[in-house]
Amino acid sequence: LVRRHGVRKLVLASRSGVTDQLAGLDAEVRVVAC
């Protein structure tokens, strides 16, 4: 979505709320435990 569709803000929701796979992505990424 960031590279192909130009999305610049993301909220990633998951049960753990943990990821280290998006470092360096040209976007504001917020990971939330939900």
All heavy atoms as atom14 arrays in JSON, in Angstrom:
{
  "sequence": "LVRRHGVRKLVLASRSGVTDQLAGLDAEVRVVAC",
  "atom14_mask": [
    [1, 1, 1, 1, 1, 1, 1, 1, 0, 0, 0, 0, 0, 0],
    [1, 1, 1, 1, 1, 1, 1, 0, 0, 0, 0, 0, 0, 0],
    [1, 1, 1, 1, 1, 1, 1, 1, 1, 1, 1, 0, 0, 0],
    [1, 1, 1, 1, 1, 1, 1, 1, 1, 1, 1, 0, 0, 0],
    [1, 1, 1, 1, 1, 1, 1, 1, 1, 1, 0, 0, 0, 0],
    [1, 1, 1, 1, 0, 0, 0, 0, 0, 0, 0, 0, 0, 0],
    [1, 1, 1, 1, 1, 1, 1, 0, 0, 0, 0, 0, 0, 0],
    [1, 1, 1, 1, 1, 1, 1, 1, 1, 1, 1, 0, 0, 0],
    [1, 1, 1, 1, 1, 1, 1, 1, 1, 0, 0, 0, 0, 0],
    [1, 1, 1, 1, 1, 1, 1, 1, 0, 0, 0, 0, 0, 0],
    [1, 1, 1, 1, 1, 1, 1, 0, 0, 0, 0, 0, 0, 0],
    [1, 1, 1, 1, 1, 1, 1, 1, 0, 0, 0, 0, 0, 0],
    [1, 1, 1, 1, 1, 0, 0, 0, 0, 0, 0, 0, 0, 0],
    [1, 1, 1, 1, 1, 1, 0, 0, 0, 0, 0, 0, 0, 0],
    [1, 1, 1, 1, 1, 1, 1, 1, 1, 1, 1, 0, 0, 0],
    [1, 1, 1, 1, 1, 1, 0, 0, 0, 0, 0, 0, 0, 0],
    [1, 1, 1, 1, 0, 0, 0, 0, 0, 0, 0, 0, 0, 0],
    [1, 1, 1, 1, 1, 1, 1, 0, 0, 0, 0, 0, 0, 0],
    [1, 1, 1, 1, 1, 1, 1, 0, 0, 0, 0, 0, 0, 0],
    [1, 1, 1, 1, 1, 1, 1, 1, 0, 0, 0, 0, 0, 0],
    [1, 1, 1, 1, 1, 1, 1, 1, 1, 0, 0, 0, 0, 0],
    [1, 1, 1, 1, 1, 1, 1, 1, 0, 0, 0, 0, 0, 0],
    [1, 1, 1, 1, 1, 0, 0, 0, 0, 0, 0, 0, 0, 0],
    [1, 1, 1, 1, 0, 0, 0, 0, 0, 0, 0, 0, 0, 0],
    [1, 1, 1, 1, 1, 1, 1, 1, 0, 0, 0, 0, 0, 0],
    [1, 1, 1, 1, 1, 1, 1, 1, 0, 0, 0, 0, 0, 0],
    [1, 1, 1, 1, 1, 0, 0, 0, 0, 0, 0, 0, 0, 0],
    [1, 1, 1, 1, 1, 1, 1, 1, 1, 0, 0, 0, 0, 0],
    [1, 1, 1, 1, 1, 1, 1, 0, 0, 0, 0, 0, 0, 0],
    [1, 1, 1, 1, 1, 1, 1, 1, 1, 1, 1, 0, 0, 0],
    [1, 1, 1, 1, 1, 1, 1, 0, 0, 0, 0, 0, 0, 0],
    [1, 1, 1, 1, 1, 1, 1, 0, 0, 0, 0, 0, 0, 0],
    [1, 1, 1, 1, 1, 0, 0, 0, 0, 0, 0, 0, 0, 0],
    [1, 1, 1, 1, 1, 1, 0, 0, 0, 0, 0, 0, 0, 0]
  ],
  "atom14_positions": [
    [[0.83, -1.21, 0.0], [0.0, 0.0, 0.0], [0.86, 1.26, 0.0], [0.52, 2.26, -0.64], [-0.94, 0.01, 1.21], [-2.11, -0.99, 1.17], [-2.89, -0.93, 2.48], [-3.03, -0.71, -0.02], [0.0, 0.0, 0.0], [0.0, 0.0, 0.0], [0.0, 0.0, 0.0], [0.0, 0.0, 0.0], [0.0, 0.0, 0.0], [0.0, 0.0, 0.0]],
    [[1.99, 1.19, 0.69], [2.9, 2.35, 0.74], [3.59, 2.53, -0.61], [3.6, 3.62, -1.18], [3.92, 2.19, 1.87], [4.99, 3.28, 1.8], [3.22, 2.24, 3.23], [0.0, 0.0, 0.0], [0.0, 0.0, 0.0], [0.0, 0.0, 0.0], [0.0, 0.0, 0.0], [0.0, 0.0, 0.0], [0.0, 0.0, 0.0], [0.0, 0.0, 0.0]],
    [[4.16, 1.45, -1.14], [4.99, 1.56, -2.34], [4.17, 1.67, -3.63], [4.58, 2.35, -4.58], [5.92, 0.36, -2.41], [6.98, 0.41, -1.3], [7.78, -0.86, -1.21], [8.81, -0.73, -0.16], [9.33, -1.75, 0.51], [8.94, -2.96, 0.23], [10.25, -1.54, 1.44], [0.0, 0.0, 0.0], [0.0, 0.0, 0.0], [0.0, 0.0, 0.0]],
    [[3.02, 1.03, -3.65], [2.23, 1.0, -4.89], [1.11, 2.04, -4.89], [0.78, 2.61, -5.93], [1.63, -0.41, -5.09], [0.74, -0.54, -6.3], [1.55, -0.51, -7.58], [0.72, -0.74, -8.75], [-0.05, 0.17, -9.34], [-0.08, 1.4, -8.85], [-0.77, -0.13, -10.4], [0.0, 0.0, 0.0], [0.0, 0.0, 0.0], [0.0, 0.0, 0.0]],
    [[0.52, 2.31, -3.72], [-0.66, 3.16, -3.67], [-0.42, 4.49, -2.96], [-1.36, 5.27, -2.8], [-1.82, 2.41, -3.0], [-2.27, 1.2, -3.78], [-3.21, 1.29, -4.79], [-1.89, -0.1, -3.72], [-3.4, 0.06, -5.3], [-2.61, -0.78, -4.67], [0.0, 0.0, 0.0], [0.0, 0.0, 0.0], [0.0, 0.0, 0.0], [0.0, 0.0, 0.0]],
    [[0.8, 4.73, -2.51], [1.12, 6.03, -1.94], [0.56, 6.29, -0.56], [0.49, 7.44, -0.12], [0.0, 0.0, 0.0], [0.0, 0.0, 0.0], [0.0, 0.0, 0.0], [0.0, 0.0, 0.0], [0.0, 0.0, 0.0], [0.0, 0.0, 0.0], [0.0, 0.0, 0.0], [0.0, 0.0, 0.0], [0.0, 0.0, 0.0], [0.0, 0.0, 0.0]],
    [[0.16, 5.24, 0.16], [-0.34, 5.42, 1.52], [0.81, 5.86, 2.42], [1.91, 5.29, 2.36], [-0.97, 4.11, 2.04], [-1.34, 4.24, 3.51], [-2.19, 3.75, 1.21], [0.0, 0.0, 0.0], [0.0, 0.0, 0.0], [0.0, 0.0, 0.0], [0.0, 0.0, 0.0], [0.0, 0.0, 0.0], [0.0, 0.0, 0.0], [0.0, 0.0, 0.0]],
    [[0.55, 6.86, 3.25], [1.62, 7.4, 4.09], [1.38, 7.22, 5.58], [2.25, 7.5, 6.39], [1.81, 8.9, 3.79], [2.45, 9.16, 2.43], [3.9, 8.66, 2.41], [4.48, 8.64, 1.08], [4.56, 7.57, 0.31], [4.08, 6.41, 0.74], [5.12, 7.62, -0.89], [0.0, 0.0, 0.0], [0.0, 0.0, 0.0], [0.0, 0.0, 0.0]],
    [[0.2, 6.76, 5.95], [-0.09, 6.53, 7.36], [-0.81, 5.19, 7.51], [-1.81, 4.93, 6.84], [-0.97, 7.65, 7.92], [-0.29, 9.02, 7.96], [-1.22, 10.07, 8.55], [-0.56, 11.44, 8.55], [-1.47, 12.49, 9.08], [0.0, 0.0, 0.0], [0.0, 0.0, 0.0], [0.0, 0.0, 0.0], [0.0, 0.0, 0.0], [0.0, 0.0, 0.0]],
    [[-0.28, 4.36, 8.39], [-0.84, 3.02, 8.6], [-1.03, 2.76, 10.08], [-0.2, 3.17, 10.91], [0.1, 1.95, 8.03], [0.27, 1.87, 6.52], [1.5, 1.03, 6.19], [-0.97, 1.26, 5.87], [0.0, 0.0, 0.0], [0.0, 0.0, 0.0], [0.0, 0.0, 0.0], [0.0, 0.0, 0.0], [0.0, 0.0, 0.0], [0.0, 0.0, 0.0]],
    [[-2.11, 2.08, 10.41], [-2.29, 1.54, 11.75], [-2.42, 0.03, 11.58], [-3.33, -0.46, 10.9], [-3.53, 2.1, 12.45], [-3.78, 1.36, 13.75], [-3.35, 3.6, 12.72], [0.0, 0.0, 0.0], [0.0, 0.0, 0.0], [0.0, 0.0, 0.0], [0.0, 0.0, 0.0], [0.0, 0.0, 0.0], [0.0, 0.0, 0.0], [0.0, 0.0, 0.0]],
    [[-1.49, -0.7, 12.17], [-1.5, -2.16, 12.09], [-1.99, -2.71, 13.42], [-1.37, -2.49, 14.46], [-0.1, -2.7, 11.8], [0.64, -2.08, 10.6], [1.98, -2.79, 10.39], [-0.2, -2.14, 9.34], [0.0, 0.0, 0.0], [0.0, 0.0, 0.0], [0.0, 0.0, 0.0], [0.0, 0.0, 0.0], [0.0, 0.0, 0.0], [0.0, 0.0, 0.0]],
    [[-3.11, -3.39, 13.39], [-3.71, -3.94, 14.61], [-3.52, -5.45, 14.63], [-3.75, -6.14, 13.64], [-5.19, -3.59, 14.67], [0.0, 0.0, 0.0], [0.0, 0.0, 0.0], [0.0, 0.0, 0.0], [0.0, 0.0, 0.0], [0.0, 0.0, 0.0], [0.0, 0.0, 0.0], [0.0, 0.0, 0.0], [0.0, 0.0, 0.0], [0.0, 0.0, 0.0]],
    [[-3.1, -5.95, 15.78], [-2.95, -7.39, 15.96], [-3.07, -7.7, 17.45], [-3.05, -6.79, 18.28], [-1.6, -7.88, 15.42], [-0.55, -7.4, 16.23], [0.0, 0.0, 0.0], [0.0, 0.0, 0.0], [0.0, 0.0, 0.0], [0.0, 0.0, 0.0], [0.0, 0.0, 0.0], [0.0, 0.0, 0.0], [0.0, 0.0, 0.0], [0.0, 0.0, 0.0]],
    [[-3.17, -8.97, 17.76], [-3.29, -9.34, 19.17], [-2.02, -9.02, 19.95], [-2.06, -8.59, 21.09], [-3.61, -10.83, 19.29], [-5.07, -11.15, 19.03], [-5.33, -12.64, 18.97], [-4.67, -13.26, 17.82], [-4.77, -14.54, 17.5], [-5.48, -15.35, 18.28], [-4.17, -15.03, 16.44], [0.0, 0.0, 0.0], [0.0, 0.0, 0.0], [0.0, 0.0, 0.0]],
    [[-0.87, -9.16, 19.3], [0.4, -8.9, 20.01], [0.82, -7.45, 19.91], [1.44, -6.9, 20.82], [1.51, -9.79, 19.43], [1.77, -9.42, 18.09], [0.0, 0.0, 0.0], [0.0, 0.0, 0.0], [0.0, 0.0, 0.0], [0.0, 0.0, 0.0], [0.0, 0.0, 0.0], [0.0, 0.0, 0.0], [0.0, 0.0, 0.0], [0.0, 0.0, 0.0]],
    [[0.49, -6.81, 18.8], [0.9, -5.42, 18.62], [2.4, -5.26, 18.48], [2.96, -4.22, 18.83], [0.0, 0.0, 0.0], [0.0, 0.0, 0.0], [0.0, 0.0, 0.0], [0.0, 0.0, 0.0], [0.0, 0.0, 0.0], [0.0, 0.0, 0.0], [0.0, 0.0, 0.0], [0.0, 0.0, 0.0], [0.0, 0.0, 0.0], [0.0, 0.0, 0.0]],
    [[3.06, -6.29, 17.98], [4.52, -6.24, 17.87], [4.94, -6.64, 16.46], [4.46, -7.63, 15.91], [5.18, -7.21, 18.88], [6.69, -7.21, 18.69], [4.82, -6.82, 20.3], [0.0, 0.0, 0.0], [0.0, 0.0, 0.0], [0.0, 0.0, 0.0], [0.0, 0.0, 0.0], [0.0, 0.0, 0.0], [0.0, 0.0, 0.0], [0.0, 0.0, 0.0]],
    [[5.81, -5.84, 15.86], [6.45, -6.22, 14.6], [7.69, -5.37, 14.41], [7.74, -4.22, 14.83], [5.52, -6.04, 13.39], [6.17, -6.56, 12.23], [5.18, -4.57, 13.14], [0.0, 0.0, 0.0], [0.0, 0.0, 0.0], [0.0, 0.0, 0.0], [0.0, 0.0, 0.0], [0.0, 0.0, 0.0], [0.0, 0.0, 0.0], [0.0, 0.0, 0.0]],
    [[8.72, -5.96, 13.82], [9.93, -5.19, 13.52], [10.25, -5.32, 12.03], [11.37, -5.08, 11.59], [11.11, -5.71, 14.36], [11.36, -7.19, 14.16], [10.61, -7.83, 13.38], [12.29, -7.72, 14.78], [0.0, 0.0, 0.0], [0.0, 0.0, 0.0], [0.0, 0.0, 0.0], [0.0, 0.0, 0.0], [0.0, 0.0, 0.0], [0.0, 0.0, 0.0]],
    [[9.23, -5.66, 11.23], [9.47, -5.95, 9.82], [9.28, -4.75, 8.9], [9.51, -4.86, 7.71], [8.52, -7.08, 9.36], [8.68, -8.37, 10.16], [7.68, -9.42, 9.72], [7.74, -9.91, 8.59], [6.75, -9.77, 10.59], [0.0, 0.0, 0.0], [0.0, 0.0, 0.0], [0.0, 0.0, 0.0], [0.0, 0.0, 0.0], [0.0, 0.0, 0.0]],
    [[8.85, -3.62, 9.45], [8.55, -2.48, 8.6], [9.5, -1.3, 8.83], [9.18, -0.17, 8.47], [7.1, -2.03, 8.83], [6.04, -3.04, 8.38], [4.66, -2.61, 8.82], [6.07, -3.23, 6.87], [0.0, 0.0, 0.0], [0.0, 0.0, 0.0], [0.0, 0.0, 0.0], [0.0, 0.0, 0.0], [0.0, 0.0, 0.0], [0.0, 0.0, 0.0]],
    [[10.62, -1.59, 9.42], [11.61, -0.52, 9.64], [12.09, 0.01, 8.29], [12.34, -0.75, 7.35], [12.78, -1.06, 10.45], [0.0, 0.0, 0.0], [0.0, 0.0, 0.0], [0.0, 0.0, 0.0], [0.0, 0.0, 0.0], [0.0, 0.0, 0.0], [0.0, 0.0, 0.0], [0.0, 0.0, 0.0], [0.0, 0.0, 0.0], [0.0, 0.0, 0.0]],
    [[12.21, 1.32, 8.19], [12.7, 1.92, 6.96], [11.65, 2.17, 5.92], [11.93, 2.72, 4.85], [0.0, 0.0, 0.0], [0.0, 0.0, 0.0], [0.0, 0.0, 0.0], [0.0, 0.0, 0.0], [0.0, 0.0, 0.0], [0.0, 0.0, 0.0], [0.0, 0.0, 0.0], [0.0, 0.0, 0.0], [0.0, 0.0, 0.0], [0.0, 0.0, 0.0]],
    [[10.39, 1.78, 6.21], [9.31, 2.02, 5.26], [8.98, 3.52, 5.26], [8.89, 4.15, 6.31], [8.08, 1.21, 5.65], [6.97, 1.06, 4.61], [7.48, 0.33, 3.38], [5.79, 0.31, 5.22], [0.0, 0.0, 0.0], [0.0, 0.0, 0.0], [0.0, 0.0, 0.0], [0.0, 0.0, 0.0], [0.0, 0.0, 0.0], [0.0, 0.0, 0.0]],
    [[8.81, 4.08, 4.07], [8.56, 5.51, 3.94], [7.11, 5.84, 4.27], [6.31, 6.23, 3.43], [8.9, 5.97, 2.52], [8.76, 7.49, 2.36], [8.8, 8.19, 3.4], [8.6, 7.95, 1.22], [0.0, 0.0, 0.0], [0.0, 0.0, 0.0], [0.0, 0.0, 0.0], [0.0, 0.0, 0.0], [0.0, 0.0, 0.0], [0.0, 0.0, 0.0]],
    [[6.77, 5.66, 5.54], [5.41, 5.92, 5.99], [5.39, 6.0, 7.51], [6.3, 5.5, 8.18], [4.46, 4.82, 5.51], [0.0, 0.0, 0.0], [0.0, 0.0, 0.0], [0.0, 0.0, 0.0], [0.0, 0.0, 0.0], [0.0, 0.0, 0.0], [0.0, 0.0, 0.0], [0.0, 0.0, 0.0], [0.0, 0.0, 0.0], [0.0, 0.0, 0.0]],
    [[4.36, 6.61, 8.02], [4.16, 6.65, 9.47], [3.36, 5.42, 9.86], [2.2, 5.27, 9.5], [3.39, 7.93, 9.83], [3.07, 8.09, 11.31], [2.19, 9.3, 11.58], [2.42, 10.34, 10.93], [1.28, 9.2, 12.42], [0.0, 0.0, 0.0], [0.0, 0.0, 0.0], [0.0, 0.0, 0.0], [0.0, 0.0, 0.0], [0.0, 0.0, 0.0]],
    [[3.99, 4.52, 10.6], [3.37, 3.24, 10.93], [3.18, 3.15, 12.44], [4.13, 3.31, 13.21], [4.23, 2.06, 10.46], [3.54, 0.73, 10.8], [4.48, 2.14, 8.96], [0.0, 0.0, 0.0], [0.0, 0.0, 0.0], [0.0, 0.0, 0.0], [0.0, 0.0, 0.0], [0.0, 0.0, 0.0], [0.0, 0.0, 0.0], [0.0, 0.0, 0.0]],
    [[1.94, 2.91, 12.84], [1.64, 2.72, 14.26], [1.13, 1.29, 14.45], [0.19, 0.86, 13.78], [0.59, 3.73, 14.72], [0.25, 3.64, 16.2], [-0.39, 4.95, 16.69], [-1.63, 5.27, 16.02], [-2.84, 5.0, 16.54], [-2.95, 4.41, 17.72], [-3.93, 5.35, 15.87], [0.0, 0.0, 0.0], [0.0, 0.0, 0.0], [0.0, 0.0, 0.0]],
    [[1.78, 0.56, 15.34], [1.39, -0.83, 15.62], [0.65, -0.85, 16.95], [1.15, -0.34, 17.96], [2.63, -1.75, 15.67], [2.2, -3.17, 15.95], [3.4, -1.66, 14.36], [0.0, 0.0, 0.0], [0.0, 0.0, 0.0], [0.0, 0.0, 0.0], [0.0, 0.0, 0.0], [0.0, 0.0, 0.0], [0.0, 0.0, 0.0], [0.0, 0.0, 0.0]],
    [[-0.56, -1.41, 16.93], [-1.44, -1.36, 18.1], [-1.88, -2.78, 18.47], [-2.26, -3.57, 17.59], [-2.69, -0.5, 17.8], [-3.61, -0.47, 19.01], [-2.28, 0.9, 17.39], [0.0, 0.0, 0.0], [0.0, 0.0, 0.0], [0.0, 0.0, 0.0], [0.0, 0.0, 0.0], [0.0, 0.0, 0.0], [0.0, 0.0, 0.0], [0.0, 0.0, 0.0]],
    [[-1.82, -3.08, 19.76], [-2.35, -4.35, 20.24], [-3.86, -4.21, 20.4], [-4.33, -3.35, 21.15], [-1.71, -4.73, 21.57], [0.0, 0.0, 0.0], [0.0, 0.0, 0.0], [0.0, 0.0, 0.0], [0.0, 0.0, 0.0], [0.0, 0.0, 0.0], [0.0, 0.0, 0.0], [0.0, 0.0, 0.0], [0.0, 0.0, 0.0], [0.0, 0.0, 0.0]],
    [[-4.62, -5.0, 19.67], [-6.08, -4.92, 19.74], [-6.67, -6.28, 19.41], [-6.37, -6.86, 18.35], [-6.62, -3.86, 18.78], [-8.43, -3.73, 18.77], [0.0, 0.0, 0.0], [0.0, 0.0, 0.0], [0.0, 0.0, 0.0], [0.0, 0.0, 0.0], [0.0, 0.0, 0.0], [0.0, 0.0, 0.0], [0.0, 0.0, 0.0], [0.0, 0.0, 0.0]]
  ]
}
